[in-house]
Amino acid sequence: MGEDLENLKKIIRNPLLLQEEQQKLLELVDKNGGTEEVYQQIQAVFEGAVRRQVAKAGFAMQGFDEQVKTAEAEMEREKGLLLRRVEEKLAGIAIDELTERSKIWDEYYGKIFELYRELEDKIRNIAAKILGGQVKSTD
């Protein structure tokens, strides 16, 4: 029975639980042992802790989505500016100057490719920050 209580205490020391939750449950086990009521209380506390973590994860995902939308909107603005510059350059070039027109479009698509690469990097950084914060919050 003593080994069972020690194993139960190890479970209670789970970092998912807040310090005060752990303390109350450890005191409960010391006082009452491994009764059915104690197990029910432990289960209820763990269920609450899981709900708390799910809520944190949901909040983090909401923040991720908002930051990604902002980064995408920023990229779209840049794309619009680039396209306007291309149109201005093309307006000053004769329609039969295919080589020059082709260079302008190649330059444009190269810059668009770079914008997408930058967006991808921003999304990776956003995700890393959020995941880093989630890992820290469960420690």
N, C-alpha and C. Protein backbone atom coordinates (compact mmCIF):
# COMPACT_ATOMS: atom_id res chain seq x y z
N MET A 1 0.82 -1.20 0.00
CA MET A 1 0.00 0.00 0.00
C MET A 1 0.87 1.26 0.00
N GLY A 2 1.99 1.23 0.76
CA GLY A 2 2.88 2.38 0.83
C GLY A 2 3.47 2.72 -0.52
N GLU A 3 3.79 1.69 -1.30
CA GLU A 3 4.34 1.92 -2.64
C GLU A 3 3.28 2.54 -3.55
N ASP A 4 2.05 2.10 -3.41
CA ASP A 4 0.96 2.67 -4.20
C ASP A 4 0.78 4.15 -3.89
N LEU A 5 0.88 4.51 -2.63
CA LEU A 5 0.74 5.93 -2.25
C LEU A 5 1.90 6.75 -2.79
N GLU A 6 3.11 6.19 -2.80
CA GLU A 6 4.26 6.90 -3.35
C GLU A 6 4.09 7.11 -4.85
N ASN A 7 3.58 6.10 -5.54
CA ASN A 7 3.31 6.25 -6.98
C ASN A 7 2.23 7.29 -7.22
N LEU A 8 1.24 7.30 -6.36
CA LEU A 8 0.17 8.30 -6.47
C LEU A 8 0.74 9.70 -6.26
N LYS A 9 1.64 9.85 -5.32
CA LYS A 9 2.27 11.14 -5.07
C LYS A 9 3.13 11.58 -6.26
N LYS A 10 3.78 10.63 -6.92
CA LYS A 10 4.56 10.96 -8.12
C LYS A 10 3.64 11.51 -9.21
N ILE A 11 2.49 10.89 -9.33
CA ILE A 11 1.51 11.35 -10.34
C ILE A 11 1.04 12.76 -10.00
N ILE A 12 0.82 13.02 -8.74
CA ILE A 12 0.33 14.34 -8.29
C ILE A 12 1.37 15.42 -8.55
N ARG A 13 2.64 15.07 -8.52
CA ARG A 13 3.71 16.06 -8.74
C ARG A 13 3.89 16.40 -10.22
N ASN A 14 2.93 16.08 -11.02
CA ASN A 14 2.95 16.37 -12.46
C ASN A 14 2.99 17.87 -12.69
N PRO A 15 3.88 18.34 -13.59
CA PRO A 15 3.99 19.79 -13.82
C PRO A 15 2.73 20.40 -14.46
N LEU A 16 1.82 19.58 -14.90
CA LEU A 16 0.56 20.08 -15.44
C LEU A 16 -0.25 20.77 -14.34
N LEU A 17 -0.07 20.30 -13.11
CA LEU A 17 -0.81 20.87 -11.99
C LEU A 17 -0.07 22.06 -11.41
N LEU A 18 -0.83 23.02 -10.93
CA LEU A 18 -0.25 24.17 -10.23
C LEU A 18 0.32 23.70 -8.90
N GLN A 19 1.29 24.45 -8.38
CA GLN A 19 1.91 24.10 -7.09
C GLN A 19 0.87 23.93 -5.99
N GLU A 20 -0.07 24.87 -5.93
CA GLU A 20 -1.09 24.80 -4.86
C GLU A 20 -1.97 23.58 -5.02
N GLU A 21 -2.27 23.19 -6.27
CA GLU A 21 -3.07 21.98 -6.50
C GLU A 21 -2.29 20.75 -6.04
N GLN A 22 -1.03 20.71 -6.39
CA GLN A 22 -0.19 19.58 -5.98
C GLN A 22 -0.16 19.48 -4.46
N GLN A 23 0.07 20.61 -3.81
CA GLN A 23 0.18 20.63 -2.35
C GLN A 23 -1.11 20.13 -1.69
N LYS A 24 -2.25 20.63 -2.15
CA LYS A 24 -3.53 20.21 -1.56
C LYS A 24 -3.76 18.71 -1.75
N LEU A 25 -3.43 18.21 -2.94
CA LEU A 25 -3.64 16.78 -3.20
C LEU A 25 -2.68 15.92 -2.39
N LEU A 26 -1.43 16.37 -2.27
CA LEU A 26 -0.46 15.61 -1.46
C LEU A 26 -0.91 15.56 0.00
N GLU A 27 -1.41 16.68 0.49
CA GLU A 27 -1.91 16.70 1.87
C GLU A 27 -3.11 15.77 2.02
N LEU A 28 -3.97 15.76 1.01
CA LEU A 28 -5.15 14.90 1.03
C LEU A 28 -4.74 13.43 1.07
N VAL A 29 -3.74 13.06 0.26
CA VAL A 29 -3.26 11.68 0.24
C VAL A 29 -2.63 11.33 1.58
N ASP A 30 -1.84 12.25 2.14
CA ASP A 30 -1.22 11.98 3.45
C ASP A 30 -2.27 11.77 4.52
N LYS A 31 -3.34 12.53 4.45
CA LYS A 31 -4.39 12.48 5.48
C LYS A 31 -5.31 11.27 5.31
N ASN A 32 -5.73 11.01 4.03
CA ASN A 32 -6.77 10.01 3.80
C ASN A 32 -6.30 8.76 3.07
N GLY A 33 -5.07 8.76 2.58
CA GLY A 33 -4.59 7.58 1.85
C GLY A 33 -5.17 7.55 0.44
N GLY A 34 -5.28 6.34 -0.09
CA GLY A 34 -5.74 6.18 -1.47
C GLY A 34 -7.19 5.74 -1.56
N THR A 35 -8.07 6.47 -0.93
CA THR A 35 -9.49 6.13 -0.97
C THR A 35 -10.11 6.52 -2.31
N GLU A 36 -11.28 6.00 -2.55
CA GLU A 36 -12.02 6.32 -3.78
C GLU A 36 -12.28 7.82 -3.89
N GLU A 37 -12.62 8.46 -2.79
CA GLU A 37 -12.89 9.90 -2.78
C GLU A 37 -11.62 10.69 -3.17
N VAL A 38 -10.47 10.25 -2.67
CA VAL A 38 -9.21 10.91 -2.99
C VAL A 38 -8.95 10.78 -4.49
N TYR A 39 -9.14 9.57 -5.02
CA TYR A 39 -8.93 9.37 -6.46
C TYR A 39 -9.87 10.25 -7.28
N GLN A 40 -11.10 10.40 -6.85
CA GLN A 40 -12.06 11.25 -7.55
C GLN A 40 -11.61 12.71 -7.53
N GLN A 41 -11.10 13.16 -6.40
CA GLN A 41 -10.62 14.54 -6.31
C GLN A 41 -9.40 14.75 -7.20
N ILE A 42 -8.51 13.76 -7.20
CA ILE A 42 -7.32 13.85 -8.06
C ILE A 42 -7.76 13.93 -9.52
N GLN A 43 -8.70 13.10 -9.90
CA GLN A 43 -9.20 13.10 -11.27
C GLN A 43 -9.81 14.45 -11.63
N ALA A 44 -10.59 15.01 -10.73
CA ALA A 44 -11.23 16.30 -10.98
C ALA A 44 -10.18 17.41 -11.16
N VAL A 45 -9.14 17.38 -10.34
CA VAL A 45 -8.09 18.40 -10.45
C VAL A 45 -7.36 18.25 -11.78
N PHE A 46 -7.05 17.01 -12.18
CA PHE A 46 -6.38 16.80 -13.45
C PHE A 46 -7.26 17.22 -14.63
N GLU A 47 -8.54 16.95 -14.54
CA GLU A 47 -9.45 17.38 -15.61
C GLU A 47 -9.45 18.90 -15.74
N GLY A 48 -9.45 19.59 -14.60
CA GLY A 48 -9.38 21.05 -14.63
C GLY A 48 -8.07 21.54 -15.23
N ALA A 49 -6.97 20.87 -14.89
CA ALA A 49 -5.66 21.26 -15.42
C ALA A 49 -5.61 21.05 -16.94
N VAL A 50 -6.20 19.97 -17.40
CA VAL A 50 -6.22 19.71 -18.85
C VAL A 50 -7.07 20.77 -19.55
N ARG A 51 -8.21 21.10 -18.97
CA ARG A 51 -9.05 22.16 -19.56
C ARG A 51 -8.30 23.48 -19.63
N ARG A 52 -7.54 23.77 -18.58
CA ARG A 52 -6.75 24.99 -18.53
C ARG A 52 -5.71 25.00 -19.67
N GLN A 53 -5.05 23.87 -19.89
CA GLN A 53 -4.04 23.79 -20.94
C GLN A 53 -4.67 23.88 -22.33
N VAL A 54 -5.83 23.28 -22.49
CA VAL A 54 -6.55 23.36 -23.77
C VAL A 54 -6.93 24.81 -24.05
N ALA A 55 -7.38 25.51 -23.03
CA ALA A 55 -7.74 26.93 -23.21
C ALA A 55 -6.52 27.74 -23.59
N LYS A 56 -5.38 27.48 -22.94
CA LYS A 56 -4.15 28.19 -23.28
C LYS A 56 -3.75 27.91 -24.73
N ALA A 57 -3.87 26.66 -25.13
CA ALA A 57 -3.51 26.30 -26.50
C ALA A 57 -4.44 26.99 -27.50
N GLY A 58 -5.73 27.05 -27.17
CA GLY A 58 -6.68 27.73 -28.05
C GLY A 58 -6.36 29.21 -28.17
N PHE A 59 -6.01 29.82 -27.06
CA PHE A 59 -5.64 31.23 -27.07
C PHE A 59 -4.37 31.44 -27.89
N ALA A 60 -3.42 30.53 -27.74
CA ALA A 60 -2.17 30.63 -28.51
C ALA A 60 -2.45 30.49 -30.00
N MET A 61 -3.32 29.57 -30.38
CA MET A 61 -3.65 29.39 -31.80
C MET A 61 -4.36 30.61 -32.36
N GLN A 62 -5.20 31.23 -31.56
CA GLN A 62 -5.87 32.45 -31.99
C GLN A 62 -4.83 33.54 -32.24
N GLY A 63 -3.87 33.66 -31.35
CA GLY A 63 -2.80 34.63 -31.52
C GLY A 63 -1.97 34.33 -32.75
N PHE A 64 -1.72 33.05 -32.99
CA PHE A 64 -0.96 32.64 -34.18
C PHE A 64 -1.71 33.05 -35.44
N ASP A 65 -3.00 32.72 -35.50
CA ASP A 65 -3.80 33.07 -36.67
C ASP A 65 -3.81 34.57 -36.93
N GLU A 66 -3.96 35.35 -35.88
CA GLU A 66 -3.98 36.81 -36.03
C GLU A 66 -2.66 37.34 -36.55
N GLN A 67 -1.57 36.82 -36.02
CA GLN A 67 -0.25 37.28 -36.46
C GLN A 67 0.03 36.86 -37.90
N VAL A 68 -0.40 35.66 -38.27
CA VAL A 68 -0.21 35.20 -39.65
C VAL A 68 -1.04 36.06 -40.61
N LYS A 69 -2.27 36.36 -40.23
CA LYS A 69 -3.11 37.21 -41.09
C LYS A 69 -2.48 38.59 -41.28
N THR A 70 -1.91 39.13 -40.22
CA THR A 70 -1.22 40.42 -40.32
C THR A 70 -0.04 40.33 -41.27
N ALA A 71 0.76 39.28 -41.14
CA ALA A 71 1.93 39.09 -42.02
C ALA A 71 1.49 38.90 -43.47
N GLU A 72 0.40 38.16 -43.68
CA GLU A 72 -0.11 37.95 -45.04
C GLU A 72 -0.62 39.26 -45.65
N ALA A 73 -1.32 40.05 -44.85
CA ALA A 73 -1.82 41.35 -45.33
C ALA A 73 -0.67 42.26 -45.71
N GLU A 74 0.37 42.24 -44.90
CA GLU A 74 1.56 43.04 -45.18
C GLU A 74 2.19 42.60 -46.51
N MET A 75 2.28 41.29 -46.71
CA MET A 75 2.84 40.78 -47.96
C MET A 75 1.96 41.18 -49.15
N GLU A 76 0.67 41.10 -48.99
CA GLU A 76 -0.24 41.48 -50.08
C GLU A 76 -0.09 42.96 -50.44
N ARG A 77 0.11 43.81 -49.44
CA ARG A 77 0.36 45.23 -49.71
C ARG A 77 1.64 45.40 -50.53
N GLU A 78 2.67 44.68 -50.13
CA GLU A 78 3.94 44.75 -50.86
C GLU A 78 3.77 44.26 -52.30
N LYS A 79 3.01 43.20 -52.46
CA LYS A 79 2.75 42.69 -53.82
C LYS A 79 2.04 43.73 -54.66
N GLY A 80 1.06 44.41 -54.08
CA GLY A 80 0.33 45.45 -54.79
C GLY A 80 1.24 46.59 -55.22
N LEU A 81 2.13 46.99 -54.31
CA LEU A 81 3.09 48.05 -54.65
C LEU A 81 4.02 47.62 -55.77
N LEU A 82 4.49 46.40 -55.69
CA LEU A 82 5.37 45.88 -56.75
C LEU A 82 4.65 45.86 -58.11
N LEU A 83 3.42 45.42 -58.10
CA LEU A 83 2.66 45.35 -59.35
C LEU A 83 2.45 46.75 -59.94
N ARG A 84 2.15 47.72 -59.08
CA ARG A 84 1.99 49.10 -59.59
C ARG A 84 3.29 49.60 -60.21
N ARG A 85 4.42 49.30 -59.58
CA ARG A 85 5.71 49.70 -60.15
C ARG A 85 5.96 49.03 -61.50
N VAL A 86 5.59 47.76 -61.60
CA VAL A 86 5.75 47.04 -62.87
C VAL A 86 4.88 47.70 -63.94
N GLU A 87 3.65 47.99 -63.58
CA GLU A 87 2.74 48.62 -64.56
C GLU A 87 3.28 49.97 -65.01
N GLU A 88 3.86 50.73 -64.06
CA GLU A 88 4.45 52.03 -64.43
C GLU A 88 5.64 51.84 -65.37
N LYS A 89 6.48 50.88 -65.08
CA LYS A 89 7.63 50.62 -65.95
C LYS A 89 7.18 50.17 -67.33
N LEU A 90 6.19 49.28 -67.35
CA LEU A 90 5.70 48.75 -68.63
C LEU A 90 5.05 49.85 -69.48
N ALA A 91 4.42 50.81 -68.81
CA ALA A 91 3.76 51.89 -69.53
C ALA A 91 4.75 52.73 -70.33
N GLY A 92 5.99 52.75 -69.86
CA GLY A 92 7.00 53.54 -70.54
C GLY A 92 7.80 52.75 -71.59
N ILE A 93 7.42 51.52 -71.83
CA ILE A 93 8.16 50.67 -72.78
C ILE A 93 7.23 50.28 -73.93
N ALA A 94 7.78 50.33 -75.11
CA ALA A 94 6.99 49.96 -76.29
C ALA A 94 6.53 48.51 -76.18
N ILE A 95 5.35 48.25 -76.74
CA ILE A 95 4.75 46.92 -76.65
C ILE A 95 5.60 45.85 -77.33
N ASP A 96 6.39 46.25 -78.33
CA ASP A 96 7.18 45.26 -79.05
C ASP A 96 8.58 45.05 -78.45
N GLU A 97 8.86 45.69 -77.32
CA GLU A 97 10.14 45.50 -76.61
C GLU A 97 10.01 44.31 -75.66
N LEU A 98 9.91 43.14 -76.24
CA LEU A 98 9.64 41.93 -75.46
C LEU A 98 10.77 41.59 -74.48
N THR A 99 11.99 41.80 -74.89
CA THR A 99 13.12 41.47 -74.01
C THR A 99 13.07 42.33 -72.76
N GLU A 100 12.86 43.63 -72.93
CA GLU A 100 12.81 44.54 -71.78
C GLU A 100 11.60 44.22 -70.90
N ARG A 101 10.46 43.95 -71.53
CA ARG A 101 9.25 43.61 -70.78
C ARG A 101 9.46 42.31 -70.00
N SER A 102 10.11 41.35 -70.64
CA SER A 102 10.37 40.07 -69.99
C SER A 102 11.27 40.26 -68.77
N LYS A 103 12.27 41.12 -68.85
CA LYS A 103 13.15 41.39 -67.72
C LYS A 103 12.36 41.99 -66.55
N ILE A 104 11.47 42.90 -66.87
CA ILE A 104 10.66 43.54 -65.82
C ILE A 104 9.80 42.50 -65.11
N TRP A 105 9.15 41.63 -65.90
CA TRP A 105 8.32 40.59 -65.29
C TRP A 105 9.16 39.59 -64.50
N ASP A 106 10.32 39.21 -65.02
CA ASP A 106 11.20 38.29 -64.28
C ASP A 106 11.61 38.88 -62.94
N GLU A 107 11.93 40.16 -62.95
CA GLU A 107 12.31 40.85 -61.73
C GLU A 107 11.14 40.86 -60.74
N TYR A 108 9.97 41.14 -61.28
CA TYR A 108 8.75 41.15 -60.44
C TYR A 108 8.54 39.78 -59.79
N TYR A 109 8.56 38.71 -60.58
CA TYR A 109 8.31 37.38 -60.03
C TYR A 109 9.41 36.96 -59.06
N GLY A 110 10.64 37.39 -59.28
CA GLY A 110 11.71 37.13 -58.32
C GLY A 110 11.44 37.79 -56.99
N LYS A 111 10.94 39.03 -57.03
CA LYS A 111 10.61 39.74 -55.79
C LYS A 111 9.41 39.10 -55.10
N ILE A 112 8.45 38.64 -55.88
CA ILE A 112 7.28 37.96 -55.30
C ILE A 112 7.73 36.68 -54.59
N PHE A 113 8.63 35.94 -55.23
CA PHE A 113 9.17 34.73 -54.62
C PHE A 113 9.83 35.08 -53.29
N GLU A 114 10.58 36.15 -53.25
CA GLU A 114 11.24 36.58 -52.01
C GLU A 114 10.22 36.96 -50.94
N LEU A 115 9.14 37.62 -51.36
CA LEU A 115 8.09 37.98 -50.39
C LEU A 115 7.48 36.73 -49.76
N TYR A 116 7.24 35.70 -50.56
CA TYR A 116 6.69 34.45 -50.03
C TYR A 116 7.69 33.77 -49.10
N ARG A 117 8.96 33.83 -49.44
CA ARG A 117 9.99 33.24 -48.58
C ARG A 117 10.04 33.99 -47.25
N GLU A 118 9.95 35.32 -47.30
CA GLU A 118 9.93 36.11 -46.07
C GLU A 118 8.70 35.79 -45.23
N LEU A 119 7.55 35.62 -45.89
CA LEU A 119 6.33 35.27 -45.17
C LEU A 119 6.50 33.91 -44.49
N GLU A 120 7.06 32.97 -45.19
CA GLU A 120 7.30 31.65 -44.62
C GLU A 120 8.20 31.75 -43.39
N ASP A 121 9.25 32.55 -43.47
CA ASP A 121 10.15 32.74 -42.33
C ASP A 121 9.41 33.40 -41.16
N LYS A 122 8.58 34.40 -41.47
CA LYS A 122 7.82 35.07 -40.40
C LYS A 122 6.89 34.07 -39.71
N ILE A 123 6.23 33.23 -40.49
CA ILE A 123 5.29 32.25 -39.91
C ILE A 123 6.06 31.27 -39.03
N ARG A 124 7.22 30.83 -39.50
CA ARG A 124 8.04 29.93 -38.68
C ARG A 124 8.44 30.60 -37.36
N ASN A 125 8.83 31.85 -37.43
CA ASN A 125 9.22 32.57 -36.21
C ASN A 125 8.05 32.77 -35.26
N ILE A 126 6.90 33.08 -35.81
CA ILE A 126 5.69 33.24 -34.99
C ILE A 126 5.38 31.92 -34.28
N ALA A 127 5.41 30.83 -35.05
CA ALA A 127 5.12 29.51 -34.47
C ALA A 127 6.14 29.15 -33.39
N ALA A 128 7.41 29.43 -33.65
CA ALA A 128 8.45 29.10 -32.67
C ALA A 128 8.23 29.87 -31.37
N LYS A 129 7.87 31.15 -31.49
CA LYS A 129 7.63 31.96 -30.29
C LYS A 129 6.44 31.41 -29.49
N ILE A 130 5.38 31.09 -30.21
CA ILE A 130 4.17 30.60 -29.54
C ILE A 130 4.42 29.23 -28.91
N LEU A 131 5.06 28.35 -29.66
CA LEU A 131 5.35 27.03 -29.10
C LEU A 131 6.31 27.13 -27.93
N GLY A 132 7.29 28.01 -28.03
CA GLY A 132 8.20 28.23 -26.91
C GLY A 132 7.46 28.71 -25.68
N GLY A 133 6.50 29.59 -25.89
CA GLY A 133 5.69 30.08 -24.77
C GLY A 133 4.83 28.99 -24.18
N GLN A 134 4.31 28.08 -25.02
CA GLN A 134 3.48 26.98 -24.52
C GLN A 134 4.32 26.01 -23.71
N VAL A 135 5.53 25.74 -24.17
CA VAL A 135 6.39 24.82 -23.44
C VAL A 135 6.75 25.42 -22.08
N LYS A 136 7.07 26.71 -22.05
CA LYS A 136 7.42 27.36 -20.80
C LYS A 136 6.24 27.38 -19.83
N SER A 137 5.02 27.55 -20.35
CA SER A 137 3.86 27.66 -19.47
C SER A 137 3.50 26.34 -18.81
N THR A 138 3.99 25.22 -19.33
CA THR A 138 3.68 23.94 -18.69
C THR A 138 4.78 23.50 -17.75
N ASP A 139 5.89 24.22 -17.73
CA ASP A 139 7.02 23.85 -16.83
C ASP A 139 6.71 24.22 -15.40
